[in-house]
Amino acid sequence: MSIAASPPLPRMPAYEVDAQGWVPGARRLPSPNFEARPQGAVPTLIVIHNISLPPNVFGGPEIADLFLNRLDCDAHPYFDAHLRGVRVSAHFVIHRDGALEQFVSCDERAWHAGASSFFGRERCNDFAVGIELEGSDTTAFEAAQYATLAALVKALVARYPIEALAGHSDIAPGRKTDPGPHFDWARLQRDTRLGAASFPYIQGCDAQGATS
């Protein structure tokens, strides 16, 4: 009896951030939902989110439609109840197959975190880059998403003085729950080889980028 081989792990792509804050390797979909960062503010925080529209449904154009202000809110009761008139965005979306989209330059302020605080520093949108993973609190993320995320984080760290990564639930506790219990922070640390100081909310990671 033959034993099927395990599928190969996705190869980590290579990204860079250009002088205008865009990633050439991402599909660019400029959102109107952004503004200038406060004078002197630069990205020092990466915030990880999850999103699916409708909830727990993957693969459609609705995330992009939301960020581009063209979502048909009559198409689903959830959209009508929760998203009509909402204006939001994130810098990046990583789809289930690892495809990367960028909606806002990293030099600009996207509208992803809302009311938030990072160790007492309010208004995280002012100094954060927001990355949305297509997913939900009840679903494991795909290997291809982790590969793209790690490569993107490496590019952001190379371009900006990034000090830390956090989940939306960390900076908006009680209000937000994403990226949820299925997100593997230890895997992200291992893949990026960032030290424990870059993951201030995460327990069980050592300074060499491995779980302890």
Protein backbone atom coordinates (compact mmCIF):
# COMPACT_ATOMS: atom_id res chain seq x y z
CA MET A 1 0.00 0.00 0.00
CA SER A 2 1.45 3.36 -0.98
CA ILE A 3 1.36 6.27 1.40
CA ALA A 4 0.50 9.66 -0.05
CA ALA A 5 3.24 12.22 0.43
CA SER A 6 2.47 15.28 2.48
CA PRO A 7 1.93 18.37 0.35
CA PRO A 8 4.99 20.63 0.29
CA LEU A 9 4.88 23.69 2.48
CA PRO A 10 4.25 26.92 0.55
CA ARG A 11 7.43 28.75 -0.34
CA MET A 12 7.67 32.12 1.36
CA PRO A 13 7.39 34.91 -1.21
CA ALA A 14 9.75 37.88 -1.23
CA TYR A 15 8.33 41.37 -0.82
CA GLU A 16 9.65 44.87 -0.41
CA VAL A 17 8.01 48.19 0.39
CA ASP A 18 8.76 50.98 -2.07
CA ALA A 19 9.47 54.63 -1.35
CA GLN A 20 5.74 55.48 -1.50
CA GLY A 21 4.72 52.78 0.97
CA TRP A 22 3.40 50.29 -1.60
CA VAL A 23 4.39 46.65 -2.07
CA PRO A 24 4.96 46.02 -5.79
CA GLY A 25 4.26 42.31 -5.36
CA ALA A 26 0.73 42.94 -4.06
CA ARG A 27 -2.37 43.56 -6.14
CA ARG A 28 -3.01 47.27 -5.69
CA LEU A 29 -6.61 48.33 -5.03
CA PRO A 30 -6.48 51.93 -3.74
CA SER A 31 -9.17 52.61 -1.16
CA PRO A 32 -10.56 56.10 -0.61
CA ASN A 33 -10.76 55.35 3.12
CA PHE A 34 -7.49 56.78 4.41
CA GLU A 35 -5.89 60.00 5.55
CA ALA A 36 -2.46 61.34 6.38
CA ARG A 37 -0.80 60.10 9.52
CA PRO A 38 -0.22 62.76 12.18
CA GLN A 39 2.85 64.86 11.54
CA GLY A 40 5.96 62.89 12.43
CA ALA A 41 4.13 59.58 12.89
CA VAL A 42 5.60 56.49 11.24
CA PRO A 43 4.52 52.85 11.46
CA THR A 44 5.87 51.19 14.60
CA LEU A 45 3.11 48.61 15.15
CA ILE A 46 1.64 45.83 12.99
CA VAL A 47 -1.94 44.84 13.82
CA ILE A 48 -3.26 41.44 12.70
CA HIS A 49 -6.98 41.06 12.00
CA ASN A 50 -9.30 38.51 10.45
CA ILE A 51 -12.22 39.22 8.16
CA SER A 52 -14.78 37.27 6.16
CA LEU A 53 -17.86 38.59 4.39
CA PRO A 54 -20.42 37.30 5.04
CA PRO A 55 -19.02 35.84 8.28
CA ASN A 56 -17.33 32.46 7.76
CA VAL A 57 -17.74 32.65 3.97
CA PHE A 58 -14.52 32.82 1.97
CA GLY A 59 -13.50 33.50 -1.59
CA GLY A 60 -15.77 36.28 -2.79
CA PRO A 61 -15.09 39.93 -3.70
CA GLU A 62 -16.92 41.36 -0.70
CA ILE A 63 -13.85 42.33 1.36
CA ALA A 64 -12.46 44.41 -1.47
CA ASP A 65 -15.92 45.82 -2.16
CA LEU A 66 -16.19 46.94 1.47
CA PHE A 67 -12.82 48.67 1.46
CA LEU A 68 -13.60 50.31 -1.90
CA ASN A 69 -17.04 51.56 -0.75
CA ARG A 70 -18.91 49.50 -3.33
CA LEU A 71 -20.36 46.70 -1.18
CA ASP A 72 -24.00 45.96 -2.05
CA CYS A 73 -25.57 46.07 1.39
CA ASP A 74 -28.85 44.69 0.00
CA ALA A 75 -27.09 41.45 -0.97
CA HIS A 76 -27.01 39.91 2.51
CA PRO A 77 -28.78 40.62 5.84
CA TYR A 78 -25.43 40.90 7.65
CA PHE A 79 -24.31 43.66 5.32
CA ASP A 80 -27.55 45.55 5.83
CA ALA A 81 -27.44 45.21 9.62
CA HIS A 82 -23.77 45.91 10.22
CA LEU A 83 -22.05 47.51 7.24
CA ARG A 84 -24.42 49.96 5.60
CA GLY A 85 -22.73 53.35 5.55
CA VAL A 86 -19.53 52.00 7.14
CA ARG A 87 -16.25 53.37 5.79
CA VAL A 88 -13.25 51.22 6.70
CA SER A 89 -10.02 49.96 5.18
CA ALA A 90 -6.82 48.11 5.96
CA HIS A 91 -3.41 48.36 4.43
CA PHE A 92 -3.36 44.69 3.36
CA VAL A 93 -5.58 41.66 2.89
CA ILE A 94 -4.15 38.12 2.66
CA HIS A 95 -6.56 35.66 1.07
CA ARG A 96 -6.89 31.96 1.83
CA ASP A 97 -4.59 31.04 -1.06
CA GLY A 98 -1.93 33.50 0.13
CA ALA A 99 -2.73 36.17 -2.47
CA LEU A 100 -1.82 39.64 -1.21
CA GLU A 101 -3.81 42.81 -1.85
CA GLN A 102 -2.92 46.34 -0.74
CA PHE A 103 -5.54 49.04 -0.28
CA VAL A 104 -3.66 51.88 1.44
CA SER A 105 -0.04 53.00 1.33
CA CYS A 106 1.79 52.13 4.53
CA ASP A 107 2.78 55.79 4.74
CA GLU A 108 -0.89 56.72 5.16
CA ARG A 109 -3.39 56.10 7.95
CA ALA A 110 -5.85 53.29 7.12
CA TRP A 111 -9.08 52.89 9.08
CA HIS A 112 -8.78 49.42 10.60
CA ALA A 113 -8.25 49.53 14.37
CA GLY A 114 -10.91 51.95 15.59
CA ALA A 115 -10.86 52.89 19.26
CA SER A 116 -7.68 51.22 20.48
CA SER A 117 -4.71 51.47 22.81
CA PHE A 118 -1.24 49.96 22.67
CA PHE A 119 0.16 50.00 26.22
CA GLY A 120 -1.49 53.35 26.89
CA ARG A 121 -0.83 54.90 23.48
CA GLU A 122 -4.22 55.67 22.00
CA ARG A 123 -5.40 55.81 18.36
CA CYS A 124 -3.40 52.92 16.99
CA ASN A 125 -4.35 53.77 13.43
CA ASP A 126 -1.97 56.71 13.71
CA PHE A 127 1.10 54.49 14.00
CA ALA A 128 0.01 51.02 12.85
CA VAL A 129 -0.10 48.96 9.69
CA GLY A 130 -3.24 46.83 9.51
CA ILE A 131 -3.13 43.36 7.94
CA GLU A 132 -6.38 41.46 7.42
CA LEU A 133 -6.32 37.68 7.02
CA GLU A 134 -9.31 36.22 5.24
CA GLY A 135 -10.68 34.00 7.98
CA SER A 136 -12.70 33.91 11.17
CA ASP A 137 -12.43 33.20 14.87
CA THR A 138 -13.70 29.65 14.26
CA THR A 139 -11.45 28.59 11.37
CA ALA A 140 -7.77 27.71 11.16
CA PHE A 141 -5.70 29.80 8.78
CA GLU A 142 -3.97 28.33 5.74
CA ALA A 143 -0.26 27.62 5.40
CA ALA A 144 -0.15 29.91 2.36
CA GLN A 145 -1.47 32.77 4.49
CA TYR A 146 1.26 32.31 7.09
CA ALA A 147 3.90 32.26 4.34
CA THR A 148 2.65 35.52 2.84
CA LEU A 149 2.20 37.12 6.24
CA ALA A 150 5.75 36.29 7.37
CA ALA A 151 7.22 37.64 4.13
CA LEU A 152 5.16 40.81 4.42
CA VAL A 153 6.14 41.35 8.04
CA LYS A 154 9.81 40.96 7.10
CA ALA A 155 9.40 43.61 4.39
CA LEU A 156 7.67 46.00 6.78
CA VAL A 157 10.34 45.52 9.44
CA ALA A 158 13.02 46.24 6.83
CA ARG A 159 11.30 49.46 5.74
CA TYR A 160 9.91 50.93 8.97
CA PRO A 161 10.94 51.09 12.64
CA ILE A 162 8.45 48.38 13.62
CA GLU A 163 8.62 47.70 17.35
CA ALA A 164 5.80 45.22 17.89
CA LEU A 165 3.03 43.05 16.47
CA ALA A 166 -0.38 42.68 18.09
CA GLY A 167 -3.82 41.29 17.41
CA HIS A 168 -6.85 43.51 17.09
CA SER A 169 -8.13 41.88 20.28
CA ASP A 170 -4.98 42.99 22.11
CA ILE A 171 -5.40 46.68 21.34
CA ALA A 172 -9.22 46.68 21.60
CA PRO A 173 -9.96 44.08 24.33
CA GLY A 174 -13.61 43.41 25.00
CA ARG A 175 -14.57 45.05 21.71
CA LYS A 176 -12.72 42.87 19.22
CA THR A 177 -11.75 39.18 19.20
CA ASP A 178 -9.70 38.83 16.03
CA PRO A 179 -7.46 37.33 14.78
CA GLY A 180 -8.96 34.73 17.12
CA PRO A 181 -7.85 31.58 18.93
CA HIS A 182 -6.77 29.75 15.78
CA PHE A 183 -4.08 32.26 14.88
CA ASP A 184 -0.64 30.75 15.54
CA TRP A 185 1.50 33.53 16.99
CA ALA A 186 4.38 31.16 17.74
CA ARG A 187 4.45 30.13 14.09
CA LEU A 188 4.60 33.76 13.00
CA GLN A 189 7.47 34.45 15.38
CA ARG A 190 9.32 31.37 14.18
CA ASP A 191 8.80 32.27 10.52
CA THR A 192 9.88 35.89 10.95
CA ARG A 193 12.62 35.13 13.50
CA LEU A 194 11.70 38.23 15.45
CA GLY A 195 12.53 38.32 19.15
CA ALA A 196 10.08 38.08 22.00
CA ALA A 197 10.09 41.86 22.45
CA SER A 198 8.24 42.13 19.14
CA PHE A 199 5.34 40.08 20.58
CA PRO A 200 4.55 41.80 23.88
CA TYR A 201 1.13 40.19 24.28
CA ILE A 202 2.26 36.63 23.58
CA GLN A 203 3.45 34.20 26.22
CA GLY A 204 5.74 31.23 25.63
CA CYS A 205 8.11 32.64 23.00
CA ASP A 206 11.81 33.11 23.55
CA ALA A 207 14.18 35.72 22.20
CA GLN A 208 15.58 33.41 19.51
CA GLY A 209 12.30 33.18 17.60
CA ALA A 210 11.23 29.76 18.87
CA THR A 211 8.58 28.51 21.26
CA SER A 212 9.75 27.84 24.80
